Amino acid sequence: MAPRTAVPGRSLAGLFGAAVIAFLVADGPAMSHSPPGSRPAAAPARPGDVAIREELDAARAAGTVAAYELFIARHPGHALERTAREELERLRAARPR
């Protein structure tokens, strides 16, 4: 059985390792594109909807009522909440009673 992961297809160790490598490469003196003595520019933040969309994708991948209910509880009023509710109703309708 494969280990459970925080991101489908990626182990936590792999994600951590990738983050460390990215930090070291971006912060290394040989890779610095900033003038000496200045701070390197931070990467721009991702739009908030990207993370929320990824959470909905995770609920879809899980395919459980609990996963959809958690998404809906965490994002009330978000545009994707309606999509999640519709998908949850289809999932409930497809389940045998």
C-alpha atoms as a PDB file:
ATOM      1  CA  MET A   1       0.000   0.000   0.000  1.00  0.00           C
ATOM      2  CA  ALA A   2       1.363   3.429  -0.926  1.00  0.00           C
ATOM      3  CA  PRO A   3       1.999   5.962   1.867  1.00  0.00           C
ATOM      4  CA  ARG A   4      -0.613   8.661   2.408  1.00  0.00           C
ATOM      5  CA  THR A   5       0.432  12.019   1.084  1.00  0.00           C
ATOM      6  CA  ALA A   6      -0.620  15.623   1.623  1.00  0.00           C
ATOM      7  CA  VAL A   7      -0.560  16.193  -2.127  1.00  0.00           C
ATOM      8  CA  PRO A   8      -1.680  13.377  -4.411  1.00  0.00           C
ATOM      9  CA  GLY A   9       1.350  11.798  -6.049  1.00  0.00           C
ATOM     10  CA  ARG A  10       3.867  13.523  -3.760  1.00  0.00           C
ATOM     11  CA  SER A  11       5.301  12.296  -0.488  1.00  0.00           C
ATOM     12  CA  LEU A  12       5.800  14.741   2.356  1.00  0.00           C
ATOM     13  CA  ALA A  13       9.525  14.015   2.240  1.00  0.00           C
ATOM     14  CA  GLY A  14       9.536  14.815  -1.470  1.00  0.00           C
ATOM     15  CA  LEU A  15       7.699  18.083  -0.929  1.00  0.00           C
ATOM     16  CA  PHE A  16      10.013  19.052   1.928  1.00  0.00           C
ATOM     17  CA  GLY A  17      13.084  18.158  -0.115  1.00  0.00           C
ATOM     18  CA  ALA A  18      11.834  20.161  -3.081  1.00  0.00           C
ATOM     19  CA  ALA A  19      11.200  23.163  -0.838  1.00  0.00           C
ATOM     20  CA  VAL A  20      14.712  22.955   0.651  1.00  0.00           C
ATOM     21  CA  ILE A  21      16.304  22.661  -2.777  1.00  0.00           C
ATOM     22  CA  ALA A  22      14.287  25.609  -4.093  1.00  0.00           C
ATOM     23  CA  PHE A  23      15.335  27.683  -1.085  1.00  0.00           C
ATOM     24  CA  LEU A  24      18.998  26.807  -1.455  1.00  0.00           C
ATOM     25  CA  VAL A  25      19.043  27.432  -5.188  1.00  0.00           C
ATOM     26  CA  ALA A  26      17.143  30.714  -4.956  1.00  0.00           C
ATOM     27  CA  ASP A  27      19.163  31.967  -1.999  1.00  0.00           C
ATOM     28  CA  GLY A  28      22.614  30.795  -3.066  1.00  0.00           C
ATOM     29  CA  PRO A  29      25.241  33.467  -3.739  1.00  0.00           C
ATOM     30  CA  ALA A  30      26.014  32.099  -7.198  1.00  0.00           C
ATOM     31  CA  MET A  31      22.367  32.454  -8.220  1.00  0.00           C
ATOM     32  CA  SER A  32      21.797  35.898  -6.764  1.00  0.00           C
ATOM     33  CA  HIS A  33      20.520  38.447  -9.251  1.00  0.00           C
ATOM     34  CA  SER A  34      20.248  41.214  -6.690  1.00  0.00           C
ATOM     35  CA  PRO A  35      22.883  43.890  -6.281  1.00  0.00           C
ATOM     36  CA  PRO A  36      25.274  43.239  -3.375  1.00  0.00           C
ATOM     37  CA  GLY A  37      23.778  44.331  -0.075  1.00  0.00           C
ATOM     38  CA  SER A  38      20.179  44.341  -1.310  1.00  0.00           C
ATOM     39  CA  ARG A  39      17.485  41.875  -0.395  1.00  0.00           C
ATOM     40  CA  PRO A  40      16.360  39.413  -3.064  1.00  0.00           C
ATOM     41  CA  ALA A  41      12.824  39.929  -4.320  1.00  0.00           C
ATOM     42  CA  ALA A  42      10.262  37.525  -2.916  1.00  0.00           C
ATOM     43  CA  ALA A  43       8.280  35.361  -5.276  1.00  0.00           C
ATOM     44  CA  PRO A  44       4.834  36.803  -5.934  1.00  0.00           C
ATOM     45  CA  ALA A  45       2.054  35.241  -3.899  1.00  0.00           C
ATOM     46  CA  ARG A  46      -0.347  32.920  -5.680  1.00  0.00           C
ATOM     47  CA  PRO A  47      -3.922  34.102  -5.989  1.00  0.00           C
ATOM     48  CA  GLY A  48      -6.023  32.783  -3.098  1.00  0.00           C
ATOM     49  CA  ASP A  49      -8.379  31.013  -5.469  1.00  0.00           C
ATOM     50  CA  VAL A  50      -5.585  28.679  -6.563  1.00  0.00           C
ATOM     51  CA  ALA A  51      -5.321  27.147  -3.103  1.00  0.00           C
ATOM     52  CA  ILE A  52      -9.101  26.899  -2.770  1.00  0.00           C
ATOM     53  CA  ARG A  53      -9.393  25.275  -6.191  1.00  0.00           C
ATOM     54  CA  GLU A  54      -6.705  22.767  -5.133  1.00  0.00           C
ATOM     55  CA  GLU A  55      -8.755  21.970  -2.016  1.00  0.00           C
ATOM     56  CA  LEU A  56     -11.803  21.277  -4.186  1.00  0.00           C
ATOM     57  CA  ASP A  57      -9.653  19.059  -6.414  1.00  0.00           C
ATOM     58  CA  ALA A  58      -8.542  17.175  -3.287  1.00  0.00           C
ATOM     59  CA  ALA A  59     -12.193  16.680  -2.253  1.00  0.00           C
ATOM     60  CA  ARG A  60     -12.924  15.361  -5.742  1.00  0.00           C
ATOM     61  CA  ALA A  61      -9.962  12.997  -5.544  1.00  0.00           C
ATOM     62  CA  ALA A  62     -11.113  11.716  -2.150  1.00  0.00           C
ATOM     63  CA  GLY A  63     -14.625  11.255  -3.516  1.00  0.00           C
ATOM     64  CA  THR A  64     -16.238  11.187  -0.074  1.00  0.00           C
ATOM     65  CA  VAL A  65     -19.144  13.037   1.456  1.00  0.00           C
ATOM     66  CA  ALA A  66     -16.885  14.056   4.364  1.00  0.00           C
ATOM     67  CA  ALA A  67     -14.316  15.635   2.027  1.00  0.00           C
ATOM     68  CA  TYR A  68     -16.950  17.745   0.282  1.00  0.00           C
ATOM     69  CA  GLU A  69     -18.576  18.721   3.578  1.00  0.00           C
ATOM     70  CA  LEU A  70     -15.198  19.860   4.916  1.00  0.00           C
ATOM     71  CA  PHE A  71     -14.584  21.967   1.804  1.00  0.00           C
ATOM     72  CA  ILE A  72     -18.034  23.578   2.110  1.00  0.00           C
ATOM     73  CA  ALA A  73     -17.509  24.295   5.818  1.00  0.00           C
ATOM     74  CA  ARG A  74     -14.103  25.866   5.182  1.00  0.00           C
ATOM     75  CA  HIS A  75     -15.231  28.109   2.290  1.00  0.00           C
ATOM     76  CA  PRO A  76     -18.752  29.410   2.938  1.00  0.00           C
ATOM     77  CA  GLY A  77     -19.803  32.002   0.407  1.00  0.00           C
ATOM     78  CA  HIS A  78     -16.956  31.269  -2.015  1.00  0.00           C
ATOM     79  CA  ALA A  79     -17.901  30.878  -5.669  1.00  0.00           C
ATOM     80  CA  LEU A  80     -16.702  27.243  -5.621  1.00  0.00           C
ATOM     81  CA  GLU A  81     -18.945  26.389  -2.668  1.00  0.00           C
ATOM     82  CA  ARG A  82     -21.936  26.094  -5.018  1.00  0.00           C
ATOM     83  CA  THR A  83     -19.956  23.771  -7.299  1.00  0.00           C
ATOM     84  CA  ALA A  84     -18.970  21.656  -4.306  1.00  0.00           C
ATOM     85  CA  ARG A  85     -22.587  21.473  -3.114  1.00  0.00           C
ATOM     86  CA  GLU A  86     -23.769  20.356  -6.566  1.00  0.00           C
ATOM     87  CA  GLU A  87     -21.063  17.681  -6.741  1.00  0.00           C
ATOM     88  CA  LEU A  88     -21.887  16.567  -3.194  1.00  0.00           C
ATOM     89  CA  GLU A  89     -25.560  16.138  -4.105  1.00  0.00           C
ATOM     90  CA  ARG A  90     -24.622  14.066  -7.170  1.00  0.00           C
ATOM     91  CA  LEU A  91     -22.337  11.943  -4.986  1.00  0.00           C
ATOM     92  CA  ARG A  92     -25.098  11.387  -2.419  1.00  0.00           C
ATOM     93  CA  ALA A  93     -27.595  10.512  -5.175  1.00  0.00           C
ATOM     94  CA  ALA A  94     -25.197   7.950  -6.655  1.00  0.00           C
ATOM     95  CA  ARG A  95     -24.585   6.193  -3.326  1.00  0.00           C
ATOM     96  CA  PRO A  96     -26.639   3.065  -2.708  1.00  0.00           C
ATOM     97  CA  ARG A  97     -28.913   3.284   0.304  1.00  0.00           C
END
